[in-house]
Amino acid sequence: MVQKLLESGNAYPCFSTDEELEEAKAKQLAEGKNAKYDGKWRDADPEVVQKMLEDGVPHTYRFKIPKGEVITINDKVRGTVSWDAEATLGDFILLRSTGIPVYNFCVAVDDALMGITTVVRAEEHLTNTVRQVLILKALGYTPPEYAHLSLILGQVPITVNQSMSKQHPVIRKCYLRTKFKMMFSHS
């Protein structure tokens, strides 16, 4: 899938070192800007890129956010939500220098290949949606519908303000009870 994004011009190799990235981040923060990738390798000379690839220079692969791209979803819980992708994110990593794909790339591709039509998840994943929709659109897939639910936060004796997953005993019991009822209810 990364190859498809490379061929379509939606991704590119990035050879920025950790030190260069930290330096750029510090400069942006000092200037009162949002910290995001500065685009150094976005439009690099193809011959330079090819030479570095041939020389085995460590690199990541980044998604090239289209200029002026606005992503809008109609969230089933929150209503219409829009992001100015370029202003919000900057070009983000798809594959680490180890060759391991990042979470948002995996989730987007997995949802597409599995034919997922609706994604229901916690509100903390709302900001991941913009990356996933960009990836899906670039690969030619229709993004699923989304519903971002408020987090359930614990209180004493559960850790205060800690988000609770279905692994927590209280939530697990409710989850299993609801699932059991759904299995045996016929409408």
C-alpha atoms as a PDB file:
ATOM      1  CA  MET A   1       0.000   0.000   0.000  1.00  0.00           C
ATOM      2  CA  VAL A   2       2.864   2.397   0.680  1.00  0.00           C
ATOM      3  CA  GLN A   3       4.157   1.632  -2.815  1.00  0.00           C
ATOM      4  CA  LYS A   4       0.767   2.629  -4.235  1.00  0.00           C
ATOM      5  CA  LEU A   5       0.937   5.922  -2.308  1.00  0.00           C
ATOM      6  CA  LEU A   6       4.485   6.531  -3.538  1.00  0.00           C
ATOM      7  CA  GLU A   7       3.496   5.880  -7.157  1.00  0.00           C
ATOM      8  CA  SER A   8       0.504   8.216  -6.920  1.00  0.00           C
ATOM      9  CA  GLY A   9       2.610  11.001  -5.376  1.00  0.00           C
ATOM     10  CA  ASN A  10       0.832  10.799  -2.019  1.00  0.00           C
ATOM     11  CA  ALA A  11       3.904   9.644  -0.071  1.00  0.00           C
ATOM     12  CA  TYR A  12       7.648  10.175  -0.110  1.00  0.00           C
ATOM     13  CA  PRO A  13      10.791   9.028   1.697  1.00  0.00           C
ATOM     14  CA  CYS A  14      12.023  11.324   4.467  1.00  0.00           C
ATOM     15  CA  PHE A  15      15.674  11.237   5.537  1.00  0.00           C
ATOM     16  CA  SER A  16      15.435  13.752   8.390  1.00  0.00           C
ATOM     17  CA  THR A  17      17.315  12.587  11.469  1.00  0.00           C
ATOM     18  CA  ASP A  18      15.857  12.649  14.973  1.00  0.00           C
ATOM     19  CA  GLU A  19      18.187  15.544  15.776  1.00  0.00           C
ATOM     20  CA  GLU A  20      16.987  17.552  12.754  1.00  0.00           C
ATOM     21  CA  LEU A  21      13.367  16.890  13.647  1.00  0.00           C
ATOM     22  CA  GLU A  22      13.893  17.955  17.274  1.00  0.00           C
ATOM     23  CA  GLU A  23      15.712  21.112  16.168  1.00  0.00           C
ATOM     24  CA  ALA A  24      12.891  22.042  13.750  1.00  0.00           C
ATOM     25  CA  LYS A  25      10.298  21.334  16.465  1.00  0.00           C
ATOM     26  CA  ALA A  26      12.096  23.510  19.010  1.00  0.00           C
ATOM     27  CA  LYS A  27      12.329  26.357  16.485  1.00  0.00           C
ATOM     28  CA  GLN A  28       8.606  26.161  15.659  1.00  0.00           C
ATOM     29  CA  LEU A  29       7.631  26.113  19.335  1.00  0.00           C
ATOM     30  CA  ALA A  30       9.941  29.076  20.063  1.00  0.00           C
ATOM     31  CA  GLU A  31       8.154  30.978  17.282  1.00  0.00           C
ATOM     32  CA  GLY A  32       4.781  30.136  18.843  1.00  0.00           C
ATOM     33  CA  LYS A  33       3.803  27.766  16.037  1.00  0.00           C
ATOM     34  CA  ASN A  34       2.347  24.260  16.144  1.00  0.00           C
ATOM     35  CA  ALA A  35       5.092  21.653  16.040  1.00  0.00           C
ATOM     36  CA  LYS A  36       4.824  19.622  12.838  1.00  0.00           C
ATOM     37  CA  TYR A  37       7.123  18.243  10.174  1.00  0.00           C
ATOM     38  CA  ASP A  38       8.740  21.096   8.242  1.00  0.00           C
ATOM     39  CA  GLY A  39       8.512  19.386   4.844  1.00  0.00           C
ATOM     40  CA  LYS A  40      12.256  19.305   4.187  1.00  0.00           C
ATOM     41  CA  TRP A  41      12.063  16.138   2.045  1.00  0.00           C
ATOM     42  CA  ARG A  42       8.586  16.725   0.598  1.00  0.00           C
ATOM     43  CA  ASP A  43       9.758  18.003  -2.764  1.00  0.00           C
ATOM     44  CA  ALA A  44      13.382  16.861  -2.697  1.00  0.00           C
ATOM     45  CA  ASP A  45      15.379  16.329  -5.869  1.00  0.00           C
ATOM     46  CA  PRO A  46      14.503  12.808  -7.112  1.00  0.00           C
ATOM     47  CA  GLU A  47      18.161  12.092  -7.954  1.00  0.00           C
ATOM     48  CA  VAL A  48      19.269  12.950  -4.402  1.00  0.00           C
ATOM     49  CA  VAL A  49      16.488  10.777  -2.977  1.00  0.00           C
ATOM     50  CA  GLN A  50      17.396   7.858  -5.246  1.00  0.00           C
ATOM     51  CA  LYS A  51      21.073   8.098  -4.271  1.00  0.00           C
ATOM     52  CA  MET A  52      20.213   8.100  -0.570  1.00  0.00           C
ATOM     53  CA  LEU A  53      17.925   5.102  -1.023  1.00  0.00           C
ATOM     54  CA  GLU A  54      20.677   3.240  -2.915  1.00  0.00           C
ATOM     55  CA  ASP A  55      23.174   4.129  -0.173  1.00  0.00           C
ATOM     56  CA  GLY A  56      20.844   2.656   2.451  1.00  0.00           C
ATOM     57  CA  VAL A  57      20.401   5.881   4.398  1.00  0.00           C
ATOM     58  CA  PRO A  58      17.770   5.314   7.133  1.00  0.00           C
ATOM     59  CA  HIS A  59      14.436   6.898   6.255  1.00  0.00           C
ATOM     60  CA  THR A  60      10.749   6.943   6.997  1.00  0.00           C
ATOM     61  CA  TYR A  61       7.894   7.262   4.535  1.00  0.00           C
ATOM     62  CA  ARG A  62       5.590  10.244   5.004  1.00  0.00           C
ATOM     63  CA  PHE A  63       2.119  10.984   3.697  1.00  0.00           C
ATOM     64  CA  LYS A  64       2.051  14.110   1.508  1.00  0.00           C
ATOM     65  CA  ILE A  65      -0.938  16.169   2.636  1.00  0.00           C
ATOM     66  CA  PRO A  66      -2.497  17.945  -0.345  1.00  0.00           C
ATOM     67  CA  LYS A  67      -2.247  21.738  -0.132  1.00  0.00           C
ATOM     68  CA  GLY A  68      -5.464  23.294   1.149  1.00  0.00           C
ATOM     69  CA  GLU A  69      -7.034  19.914   2.001  1.00  0.00           C
ATOM     70  CA  VAL A  70      -9.991  20.121   4.371  1.00  0.00           C
ATOM     71  CA  ILE A  71     -11.327  16.861   5.798  1.00  0.00           C
ATOM     72  CA  THR A  72     -14.958  16.870   6.915  1.00  0.00           C
ATOM     73  CA  ILE A  73     -16.825  13.983   8.492  1.00  0.00           C
ATOM     74  CA  ASN A  74     -20.398  13.699   9.672  1.00  0.00           C
ATOM     75  CA  ASP A  75     -19.774  12.053  13.012  1.00  0.00           C
ATOM     76  CA  LYS A  76     -22.842  10.146  14.217  1.00  0.00           C
ATOM     77  CA  VAL A  77     -22.355  11.529  17.731  1.00  0.00           C
ATOM     78  CA  ARG A  78     -20.642  14.896  17.311  1.00  0.00           C
ATOM     79  CA  GLY A  79     -22.169  16.079  14.028  1.00  0.00           C
ATOM     80  CA  THR A  80     -20.079  17.764  11.350  1.00  0.00           C
ATOM     81  CA  VAL A  81     -16.387  17.942  12.211  1.00  0.00           C
ATOM     82  CA  SER A  82     -13.814  19.562   9.897  1.00  0.00           C
ATOM     83  CA  TRP A  83     -10.043  19.924   9.919  1.00  0.00           C
ATOM     84  CA  ASP A  84      -7.656  21.968   7.822  1.00  0.00           C
ATOM     85  CA  ALA A  85      -5.330  19.002   7.335  1.00  0.00           C
ATOM     86  CA  GLU A  86      -2.260  20.962   6.309  1.00  0.00           C
ATOM     87  CA  ALA A  87      -2.530  23.451   9.186  1.00  0.00           C
ATOM     88  CA  THR A  88      -3.398  20.760  11.718  1.00  0.00           C
ATOM     89  CA  LEU A  89      -0.933  17.993  10.882  1.00  0.00           C
ATOM     90  CA  GLY A  90       1.829  18.517   8.433  1.00  0.00           C
ATOM     91  CA  ASP A  91       3.076  15.469   6.508  1.00  0.00           C
ATOM     92  CA  PHE A  92       2.892  12.489   8.847  1.00  0.00           C
ATOM     93  CA  ILE A  93       4.801   9.197   9.004  1.00  0.00           C
ATOM     94  CA  LEU A  94       3.330   6.054   7.424  1.00  0.00           C
ATOM     95  CA  LEU A  95       6.303   3.709   7.869  1.00  0.00           C
ATOM     96  CA  ARG A  96       9.025   4.067  10.478  1.00  0.00           C
ATOM     97  CA  SER A  97      12.689   3.700   9.542  1.00  0.00           C
ATOM     98  CA  THR A  98      12.447   0.117  10.845  1.00  0.00           C
ATOM     99  CA  GLY A  99       9.838  -0.606   8.160  1.00  0.00           C
ATOM    100  CA  ILE A 100       7.070  -0.946  10.744  1.00  0.00           C
ATOM    101  CA  PRO A 101       3.856   0.877   9.798  1.00  0.00           C
ATOM    102  CA  VAL A 102       2.326   3.363  12.225  1.00  0.00           C
ATOM    103  CA  TYR A 103      -1.055   2.876  13.903  1.00  0.00           C
ATOM    104  CA  ASN A 104      -3.113   5.196  11.674  1.00  0.00           C
ATOM    105  CA  PHE A 105      -1.820   3.611   8.478  1.00  0.00           C
ATOM    106  CA  CYS A 106      -2.552   0.088   9.762  1.00  0.00           C
ATOM    107  CA  VAL A 107      -6.034   0.976  10.958  1.00  0.00           C
ATOM    108  CA  ALA A 108      -7.012   2.744   7.727  1.00  0.00           C
ATOM    109  CA  VAL A 109      -5.784  -0.087   5.496  1.00  0.00           C
ATOM    110  CA  ASP A 110      -7.271  -2.757   7.745  1.00  0.00           C
ATOM    111  CA  ASP A 111     -10.680  -1.018   7.780  1.00  0.00           C
ATOM    112  CA  ALA A 112     -10.621  -0.726   3.986  1.00  0.00           C
ATOM    113  CA  LEU A 113      -9.603  -4.329   3.331  1.00  0.00           C
ATOM    114  CA  MET A 114     -12.161  -5.649   5.820  1.00  0.00           C
ATOM    115  CA  GLY A 115     -14.938  -3.542   4.307  1.00  0.00           C
ATOM    116  CA  ILE A 116     -15.689  -1.752   7.572  1.00  0.00           C
ATOM    117  CA  THR A 117     -18.608   0.644   7.081  1.00  0.00           C
ATOM    118  CA  THR A 118     -18.925   2.157  10.574  1.00  0.00           C
ATOM    119  CA  VAL A 119     -16.272   2.861  13.189  1.00  0.00           C
ATOM    120  CA  VAL A 120     -17.440   3.433  16.765  1.00  0.00           C
ATOM    121  CA  ARG A 121     -14.710   4.451  19.185  1.00  0.00           C
ATOM    122  CA  ALA A 122     -13.749   6.834  21.981  1.00  0.00           C
ATOM    123  CA  GLU A 123     -13.499  10.575  21.420  1.00  0.00           C
ATOM    124  CA  GLU A 124      -9.757  10.407  22.062  1.00  0.00           C
ATOM    125  CA  HIS A 125      -9.439   8.933  18.546  1.00  0.00           C
ATOM    126  CA  LEU A 126     -11.239  11.808  16.845  1.00  0.00           C
ATOM    127  CA  THR A 127      -7.974  13.458  15.812  1.00  0.00           C
ATOM    128  CA  ASN A 128      -6.760  10.175  14.284  1.00  0.00           C
ATOM    129  CA  THR A 129      -9.704  10.310  11.906  1.00  0.00           C
ATOM    130  CA  VAL A 130      -8.200  13.050   9.739  1.00  0.00           C
ATOM    131  CA  ARG A 131      -5.078  10.939   9.029  1.00  0.00           C
ATOM    132  CA  GLN A 132      -7.120   7.817   8.365  1.00  0.00           C
ATOM    133  CA  VAL A 133      -9.514   9.598   5.984  1.00  0.00           C
ATOM    134  CA  LEU A 134      -6.578  11.127   4.075  1.00  0.00           C
ATOM    135  CA  ILE A 135      -4.982   7.689   3.679  1.00  0.00           C
ATOM    136  CA  LEU A 136      -8.244   6.033   2.615  1.00  0.00           C
ATOM    137  CA  LYS A 137      -9.029   8.721   0.045  1.00  0.00           C
ATOM    138  CA  ALA A 138      -5.502   8.572  -1.396  1.00  0.00           C
ATOM    139  CA  LEU A 139      -5.817   4.792  -1.779  1.00  0.00           C
ATOM    140  CA  GLY A 140      -9.191   5.163  -3.501  1.00  0.00           C
ATOM    141  CA  TYR A 141     -11.346   3.798  -0.673  1.00  0.00           C
ATOM    142  CA  THR A 142     -14.521   5.331   0.699  1.00  0.00           C
ATOM    143  CA  PRO A 143     -14.040   6.212   4.373  1.00  0.00           C
ATOM    144  CA  PRO A 144     -16.448   4.528   6.796  1.00  0.00           C
ATOM    145  CA  GLU A 145     -18.942   6.425   8.906  1.00  0.00           C
ATOM    146  CA  TYR A 146     -17.635   7.447  12.325  1.00  0.00           C
ATOM    147  CA  ALA A 147     -19.138   7.748  15.794  1.00  0.00           C
ATOM    148  CA  HIS A 148     -16.880   9.088  18.552  1.00  0.00           C
ATOM    149  CA  LEU A 149     -18.263   8.435  22.025  1.00  0.00           C
ATOM    150  CA  SER A 150     -17.392  10.272  25.218  1.00  0.00           C
ATOM    151  CA  LEU A 151     -14.927   8.506  27.465  1.00  0.00           C
ATOM    152  CA  ILE A 152     -16.141   6.752  30.577  1.00  0.00           C
ATOM    153  CA  LEU A 153     -13.923   7.989  33.390  1.00  0.00           C
ATOM    154  CA  GLY A 154     -13.402   6.092  36.610  1.00  0.00           C
ATOM    155  CA  GLN A 155     -13.935   7.298  40.148  1.00  0.00           C
ATOM    156  CA  VAL A 156     -12.962   5.864  43.525  1.00  0.00           C
ATOM    157  CA  PRO A 157     -12.284   2.936  43.990  1.00  0.00           C
ATOM    158  CA  ILE A 158     -11.347   2.999  40.307  1.00  0.00           C
ATOM    159  CA  THR A 159      -8.498   5.355  39.481  1.00  0.00           C
ATOM    160  CA  VAL A 160      -9.984   8.861  39.206  1.00  0.00           C
ATOM    161  CA  ASN A 161     -10.130  10.336  35.688  1.00  0.00           C
ATOM    162  CA  GLN A 162      -8.575   7.273  34.108  1.00  0.00           C
ATOM    163  CA  SER A 163     -10.343   6.161  30.942  1.00  0.00           C
ATOM    164  CA  MET A 164     -11.927   2.784  31.346  1.00  0.00           C
ATOM    165  CA  SER A 165     -11.700   0.106  28.681  1.00  0.00           C
ATOM    166  CA  LYS A 166     -13.841  -2.980  28.299  1.00  0.00           C
ATOM    167  CA  GLN A 167     -11.081  -4.814  30.170  1.00  0.00           C
ATOM    168  CA  HIS A 168     -12.059  -3.075  33.420  1.00  0.00           C
ATOM    169  CA  PRO A 169     -14.201  -5.467  35.541  1.00  0.00           C
ATOM    170  CA  VAL A 170     -17.187  -3.082  35.801  1.00  0.00           C
ATOM    171  CA  ILE A 171     -17.194  -2.211  32.108  1.00  0.00           C
ATOM    172  CA  ARG A 172     -16.468  -5.805  31.130  1.00  0.00           C
ATOM    173  CA  LYS A 173     -19.558  -6.986  33.038  1.00  0.00           C
ATOM    174  CA  CYS A 174     -21.770  -4.367  31.339  1.00  0.00           C
ATOM    175  CA  TYR A 175     -20.247  -5.137  27.948  1.00  0.00           C
ATOM    176  CA  LEU A 176     -20.818  -8.878  28.272  1.00  0.00           C
ATOM    177  CA  ARG A 177     -24.347  -8.397  29.611  1.00  0.00           C
ATOM    178  CA  THR A 178     -25.233  -6.121  26.658  1.00  0.00           C
ATOM    179  CA  LYS A 179     -23.620  -8.485  24.158  1.00  0.00           C
ATOM    180  CA  PHE A 180     -25.510 -11.445  25.640  1.00  0.00           C
ATOM    181  CA  LYS A 181     -28.831  -9.574  25.392  1.00  0.00           C
ATOM    182  CA  MET A 182     -28.119  -8.642  21.783  1.00  0.00           C
ATOM    183  CA  MET A 183     -27.344 -12.242  20.886  1.00  0.00           C
ATOM    184  CA  PHE A 184     -30.752 -13.411  22.070  1.00  0.00           C
ATOM    185  CA  SER A 185     -32.959 -10.515  21.044  1.00  0.00           C
ATOM    186  CA  HIS A 186     -34.612 -10.769  17.642  1.00  0.00           C
ATOM    187  CA  SER A 187     -36.282  -7.786  16.055  1.00  0.00           C
END
